[in-house]
Amino acid sequence: MTRTLDIGALRSLAAIGDHGGFHRAAAALGISQSAVSQHVRRLERTLGHALVERSGRGIRFTATGELALAEARRVLAAHDEALVRLGVTEPAEAGYLIGSTEHVAEGVLPAITRTVTSQLPGRTVRFRLDRGGRLHEALDEGALDAAVFIGDSGGRSGEVAGGVPLSWFAAPDWDTPDPAMPVPLVAIDGPCVLRDRALTALRAGGRRVTVIAEAAQLAGVIGAVRGGLGVALLADHGPPPPGLVRLRDLPAVPPEPLYLRYRVGAPEQLTGALRSALDNLAPRL
């Protein structure tokens, strides 16, 4: 039996990888989430392996899925270039794909968009939100042009671009437990730098702590805290997330270093624009 990879299904798979989930992929492609799911199932039937699996409240690619994702990007690039050469479509607008961990996205991505589009006219900027480890893998493969992140770089080189302020957040009616009682912590499932920083700070401050809830994505953490399950240590970008307030009666945590990393061969005009965008955003360390 001849097996054929459907271009539409490959585009959905690539969008899941670029945007971090089925819902975001559907929004980016302008199709329904059920259509994205059907595309993935079609690819899984063709390849005979599962490509995506649940991880907590989020998803992750299987080993075969990671291989399929890399091949999908190569096939799509060749396909789209062929359409341009044949005169079917116009060349895509030149642009950059920037990765970011969720914790810093709200604070830095708008500034990156403004600065890059201002300093590099005619260039568009797209973003991929993901866990740090996956961003580093994408940079290693050349699938991203650059990434901003906090936490361990896995031994890879990256430049410090400032610091991200950190604060404790809880629901407005949440009361900090008595010192004799453990602090219920809500955090992203490990490995996560803010989870580690929260646990270390509370224990160093003489507080016992219990991870009362964990989520695969930042939205899940904020939702659990808003529901009153516990407290979370989050990047403090300005106004608190809707439905949350800052807490002042837990141990203070210093800013977390903000790193900037580029793919091999990234153009100097992009690196300069990113440095300019981040230079005055976060407190210097």
Protein backbone atom coordinates (compact mmCIF):
# COMPACT_ATOMS: atom_id res chain seq x y z
CA MET A 1 0.00 0.00 0.00
CA THR A 2 1.33 3.45 -0.97
CA ARG A 3 1.35 5.86 1.94
CA THR A 4 1.10 9.59 1.32
CA LEU A 5 1.73 12.44 3.74
CA ASP A 6 -1.05 15.00 3.47
CA ILE A 7 0.24 18.59 3.27
CA GLY A 8 -2.66 19.99 5.30
CA ALA A 9 -2.05 17.46 8.05
CA LEU A 10 1.67 18.24 8.06
CA ARG A 11 0.86 21.94 8.38
CA SER A 12 -1.30 21.23 11.43
CA LEU A 13 1.49 19.17 13.01
CA ALA A 14 4.00 21.97 12.43
CA ALA A 15 1.57 24.51 13.90
CA ILE A 16 1.20 22.40 17.05
CA GLY A 17 4.98 22.42 17.39
CA ASP A 18 5.23 26.16 16.73
CA HIS A 19 2.40 27.22 19.04
CA GLY A 20 2.50 24.59 21.78
CA GLY A 21 -0.90 22.91 21.50
CA PHE A 22 -3.97 22.01 19.45
CA HIS A 23 -6.03 25.07 20.40
CA ARG A 24 -3.28 27.56 19.55
CA ALA A 25 -2.46 25.71 16.34
CA ALA A 26 -6.09 25.87 15.25
CA ALA A 27 -6.24 29.61 15.96
CA ALA A 28 -3.04 30.22 14.01
CA LEU A 29 -4.26 28.22 11.01
CA GLY A 30 -7.80 29.60 11.09
CA ILE A 31 -9.42 26.16 11.36
CA SER A 32 -11.25 24.29 14.11
CA GLN A 33 -9.47 22.39 16.85
CA SER A 34 -11.29 19.23 15.78
CA ALA A 35 -9.82 19.64 12.29
CA VAL A 36 -6.32 19.83 13.77
CA SER A 37 -7.04 16.69 15.80
CA GLN A 38 -8.28 14.87 12.68
CA HIS A 39 -5.12 15.86 10.83
CA VAL A 40 -2.93 14.39 13.56
CA ARG A 41 -4.96 11.17 13.63
CA ARG A 42 -4.60 10.93 9.83
CA LEU A 43 -0.83 11.22 10.11
CA GLU A 44 -0.76 8.65 12.91
CA ARG A 45 -2.68 6.18 10.75
CA THR A 46 -0.32 6.79 7.85
CA LEU A 47 2.84 6.41 9.94
CA GLY A 48 1.52 3.68 12.22
CA HIS A 49 2.69 5.42 15.41
CA ALA A 50 1.31 7.87 17.96
CA LEU A 51 2.75 11.35 17.39
CA VAL A 52 1.30 13.41 20.24
CA GLU A 53 0.38 12.38 23.76
CA ARG A 54 -1.05 14.08 26.81
CA SER A 55 1.34 15.40 29.46
CA GLY A 56 -0.54 16.70 32.50
CA ARG A 57 -2.91 19.30 31.13
CA GLY A 58 -0.78 19.84 28.05
CA ILE A 59 0.68 17.72 25.26
CA ARG A 60 4.07 16.53 24.16
CA PHE A 61 5.45 14.87 21.06
CA THR A 62 6.43 11.23 21.17
CA ALA A 63 9.86 10.20 19.84
CA THR A 64 8.24 9.45 16.47
CA GLY A 65 6.33 12.71 16.73
CA GLU A 66 9.55 14.71 17.11
CA LEU A 67 10.95 13.06 13.98
CA ALA A 68 7.69 13.66 12.11
CA LEU A 69 7.69 17.31 13.17
CA ALA A 70 11.19 17.87 11.80
CA GLU A 71 10.28 16.14 8.53
CA ALA A 72 7.02 18.10 8.31
CA ARG A 73 8.92 21.38 8.43
CA ARG A 74 11.27 20.23 5.66
CA VAL A 75 8.41 19.03 3.45
CA LEU A 76 6.39 22.22 4.00
CA ALA A 77 9.38 24.42 3.19
CA ALA A 78 10.01 22.54 -0.06
CA HIS A 79 6.30 22.55 -0.93
CA ASP A 80 5.87 26.29 -0.36
CA GLU A 81 9.05 27.13 -2.25
CA ALA A 82 7.82 25.04 -5.20
CA LEU A 83 4.56 26.98 -5.32
CA VAL A 84 6.50 30.24 -5.45
CA ARG A 85 8.76 28.99 -8.28
CA LEU A 86 5.72 27.82 -10.23
CA GLY A 87 4.09 31.23 -9.86
CA VAL A 88 1.15 29.93 -7.85
CA THR A 89 1.85 32.03 -4.76
CA GLU A 90 3.88 35.10 -3.91
CA PRO A 91 7.03 34.71 -1.79
CA ALA A 92 6.23 34.70 1.90
CA GLU A 93 6.99 37.89 3.73
CA ALA A 94 10.45 37.65 5.26
CA GLY A 95 10.36 37.25 9.00
CA TYR A 96 11.76 35.67 12.11
CA LEU A 97 10.52 32.99 14.49
CA ILE A 98 11.31 33.79 18.14
CA GLY A 99 10.85 31.35 21.00
CA SER A 100 9.93 32.24 24.56
CA THR A 101 9.12 30.50 27.78
CA GLU A 102 5.62 31.32 29.03
CA HIS A 103 6.82 33.01 32.20
CA VAL A 104 8.49 35.86 30.32
CA ALA A 105 6.26 36.09 27.24
CA GLU A 106 3.92 38.82 28.50
CA GLY A 107 6.79 41.02 29.61
CA VAL A 108 9.07 40.81 26.58
CA LEU A 109 7.26 39.75 23.40
CA PRO A 110 5.38 43.02 22.75
CA ALA A 111 8.65 44.96 23.03
CA ILE A 112 10.39 42.52 20.69
CA THR A 113 7.62 42.93 18.11
CA ARG A 114 7.78 46.73 18.27
CA THR A 115 11.56 46.91 18.09
CA VAL A 116 12.16 44.32 15.36
CA THR A 117 9.44 45.65 13.07
CA SER A 118 10.70 49.22 13.69
CA GLN A 119 14.40 48.55 13.18
CA LEU A 120 13.95 45.95 10.42
CA PRO A 121 11.19 47.23 8.09
CA GLY A 122 9.53 44.53 6.01
CA ARG A 123 10.31 41.82 8.53
CA THR A 124 7.54 40.07 10.42
CA VAL A 125 7.89 38.39 13.80
CA ARG A 126 6.22 35.16 14.87
CA PHE A 127 6.53 33.50 18.26
CA ARG A 128 6.62 29.99 19.66
CA LEU A 129 5.82 29.55 23.37
CA ASP A 130 7.24 26.37 24.85
CA ARG A 131 9.23 24.80 27.66
CA GLY A 132 12.88 25.81 27.82
CA GLY A 133 14.23 22.38 26.86
CA ARG A 134 12.18 22.28 23.67
CA LEU A 135 13.22 25.81 22.74
CA HIS A 136 16.88 24.85 23.04
CA GLU A 137 16.33 21.78 20.88
CA ALA A 138 14.60 23.92 18.25
CA LEU A 139 17.51 26.39 18.30
CA ASP A 140 19.98 23.53 17.92
CA GLU A 141 18.03 22.32 14.86
CA GLY A 142 17.78 25.81 13.38
CA ALA A 143 13.98 25.77 13.65
CA LEU A 144 14.02 29.01 15.70
CA ASP A 145 15.99 32.18 14.99
CA ALA A 146 16.32 33.14 18.67
CA ALA A 147 14.75 32.57 22.08
CA VAL A 148 14.34 34.43 25.36
CA PHE A 149 14.08 32.32 28.49
CA ILE A 150 14.77 31.90 32.17
CA GLY A 151 16.32 28.86 33.75
CA ASP A 152 18.96 26.34 32.80
CA SER A 153 20.30 26.46 29.24
CA GLY A 154 21.39 22.84 29.37
CA GLY A 155 25.05 23.76 29.03
CA ARG A 156 24.46 25.82 25.89
CA SER A 157 25.80 29.35 25.59
CA GLY A 158 23.42 32.25 26.12
CA GLU A 159 23.82 35.90 27.02
CA VAL A 160 22.27 37.53 30.06
CA ALA A 161 19.77 40.17 28.92
CA GLY A 162 18.59 41.43 32.30
CA GLY A 163 16.53 40.10 35.16
CA VAL A 164 12.87 39.14 35.57
CA PRO A 165 11.23 40.39 38.80
CA LEU A 166 9.48 37.66 40.78
CA SER A 167 6.55 38.01 43.18
CA TRP A 168 4.16 35.77 45.10
CA PHE A 169 0.53 35.82 43.90
CA ALA A 170 -2.70 34.48 45.37
CA ALA A 171 -6.47 34.98 45.19
CA PRO A 172 -7.69 38.19 46.89
CA ASP A 173 -9.33 36.33 49.78
CA TRP A 174 -6.49 33.86 50.30
CA ASP A 175 -4.85 33.92 53.73
CA THR A 176 -1.24 32.93 54.26
CA PRO A 177 -1.16 29.89 56.55
CA ASP A 178 0.13 30.10 60.09
CA PRO A 179 3.94 29.59 60.21
CA ALA A 180 3.40 26.16 61.76
CA MET A 181 1.40 25.05 58.71
CA PRO A 182 2.82 24.20 55.24
CA VAL A 183 2.37 26.72 52.42
CA PRO A 184 0.29 25.23 49.56
CA LEU A 185 2.21 25.91 46.37
CA VAL A 186 0.84 25.85 42.82
CA ALA A 187 3.52 25.36 40.15
CA ILE A 188 4.29 24.11 36.67
CA ASP A 189 5.38 20.49 36.71
CA GLY A 190 9.13 20.03 36.77
CA PRO A 191 11.61 20.79 35.53
CA CYS A 192 10.71 24.46 36.08
CA VAL A 193 13.00 27.18 37.39
CA LEU A 194 10.24 29.11 39.20
CA ARG A 195 9.03 25.96 40.90
CA ASP A 196 12.57 25.35 42.16
CA ARG A 197 13.01 28.97 43.22
CA ALA A 198 9.71 28.93 45.12
CA LEU A 199 10.55 25.74 47.01
CA THR A 200 14.04 26.98 47.85
CA ALA A 201 12.87 30.40 49.03
CA LEU A 202 10.11 29.05 51.25
CA ARG A 203 12.33 26.43 52.86
CA ALA A 204 15.17 28.92 53.35
CA GLY A 205 12.64 31.21 55.05
CA GLY A 206 11.78 28.48 57.53
CA ARG A 207 8.46 27.58 55.91
CA ARG A 208 7.26 24.07 55.16
CA VAL A 209 5.70 23.71 51.73
CA THR A 210 3.37 21.34 49.91
CA VAL A 211 2.91 21.33 46.13
CA ILE A 212 -0.87 21.34 46.23
CA ALA A 213 -1.39 21.54 42.45
CA GLU A 214 0.74 21.45 39.33
CA ALA A 215 0.01 22.16 35.68
CA ALA A 216 1.72 21.73 32.33
CA GLN A 217 1.18 25.36 31.34
CA LEU A 218 1.13 28.76 33.02
CA ALA A 219 -2.60 29.23 32.41
CA GLY A 220 -3.30 26.18 34.56
CA VAL A 221 -1.21 27.57 37.40
CA ILE A 222 -2.98 30.93 37.30
CA GLY A 223 -6.39 29.24 37.18
CA ALA A 224 -5.63 27.09 40.23
CA VAL A 225 -4.33 30.08 42.19
CA ARG A 226 -7.35 32.16 41.18
CA GLY A 227 -9.53 29.34 42.51
CA GLY A 228 -7.89 29.65 45.92
CA LEU A 229 -5.88 26.42 45.93
CA GLY A 230 -2.65 28.06 46.94
CA VAL A 231 0.08 30.55 46.13
CA ALA A 232 2.39 30.78 43.10
CA LEU A 233 5.70 32.47 42.36
CA LEU A 234 5.34 34.26 39.02
CA ALA A 235 7.19 36.74 36.85
CA ASP A 236 6.01 40.21 37.85
CA HIS A 237 5.45 42.15 34.63
CA GLY A 238 3.33 44.94 36.11
CA PRO A 239 -0.40 44.63 36.86
CA PRO A 240 -1.19 41.26 38.52
CA PRO A 241 -2.92 38.62 36.41
CA PRO A 242 -6.72 39.10 36.54
CA GLY A 243 -8.15 37.75 39.78
CA LEU A 244 -4.81 37.65 41.62
CA VAL A 245 -3.03 39.92 44.09
CA ARG A 246 0.58 40.17 45.24
CA LEU A 247 1.55 38.75 48.62
CA ARG A 248 4.07 40.56 50.80
CA ASP A 249 4.29 38.18 53.75
CA LEU A 250 6.31 35.38 52.13
CA PRO A 251 10.10 35.36 51.64
CA ALA A 252 11.23 37.79 48.95
CA VAL A 253 12.82 36.22 45.87
CA PRO A 254 15.41 38.17 43.82
CA PRO A 255 15.01 38.59 40.05
CA GLU A 256 15.69 35.59 37.84
CA PRO A 257 18.28 36.07 35.06
CA LEU A 258 16.77 36.58 31.61
CA TYR A 259 18.75 34.93 28.82
CA LEU A 260 18.87 35.47 25.09
CA ARG A 261 20.13 32.80 22.71
CA TYR A 262 20.36 32.63 18.91
CA ARG A 263 20.61 29.89 16.33
CA VAL A 264 23.93 29.38 14.60
CA GLY A 265 24.25 31.93 11.82
CA ALA A 266 21.49 34.26 13.01
CA PRO A 267 21.78 37.63 11.21
CA GLU A 268 23.49 40.42 13.13
CA GLN A 269 20.62 42.83 12.48
CA LEU A 270 18.28 40.50 14.37
CA THR A 271 20.62 40.01 17.31
CA GLY A 272 21.09 43.76 17.59
CA ALA A 273 17.35 44.42 17.49
CA LEU A 274 16.66 41.83 20.19
CA ARG A 275 19.34 43.25 22.47
CA SER A 276 17.87 46.71 21.97
CA ALA A 277 14.34 45.45 22.77
CA LEU A 278 15.38 43.78 26.01
CA ASP A 279 17.93 46.30 27.21
CA ASN A 280 15.59 48.50 29.22
CA LEU A 281 12.78 46.04 29.97
CA ALA A 282 14.12 44.22 33.02
CA PRO A 283 16.28 45.37 35.91
CA ARG A 284 19.97 44.80 35.29
CA LEU A 285 21.59 42.18 37.48
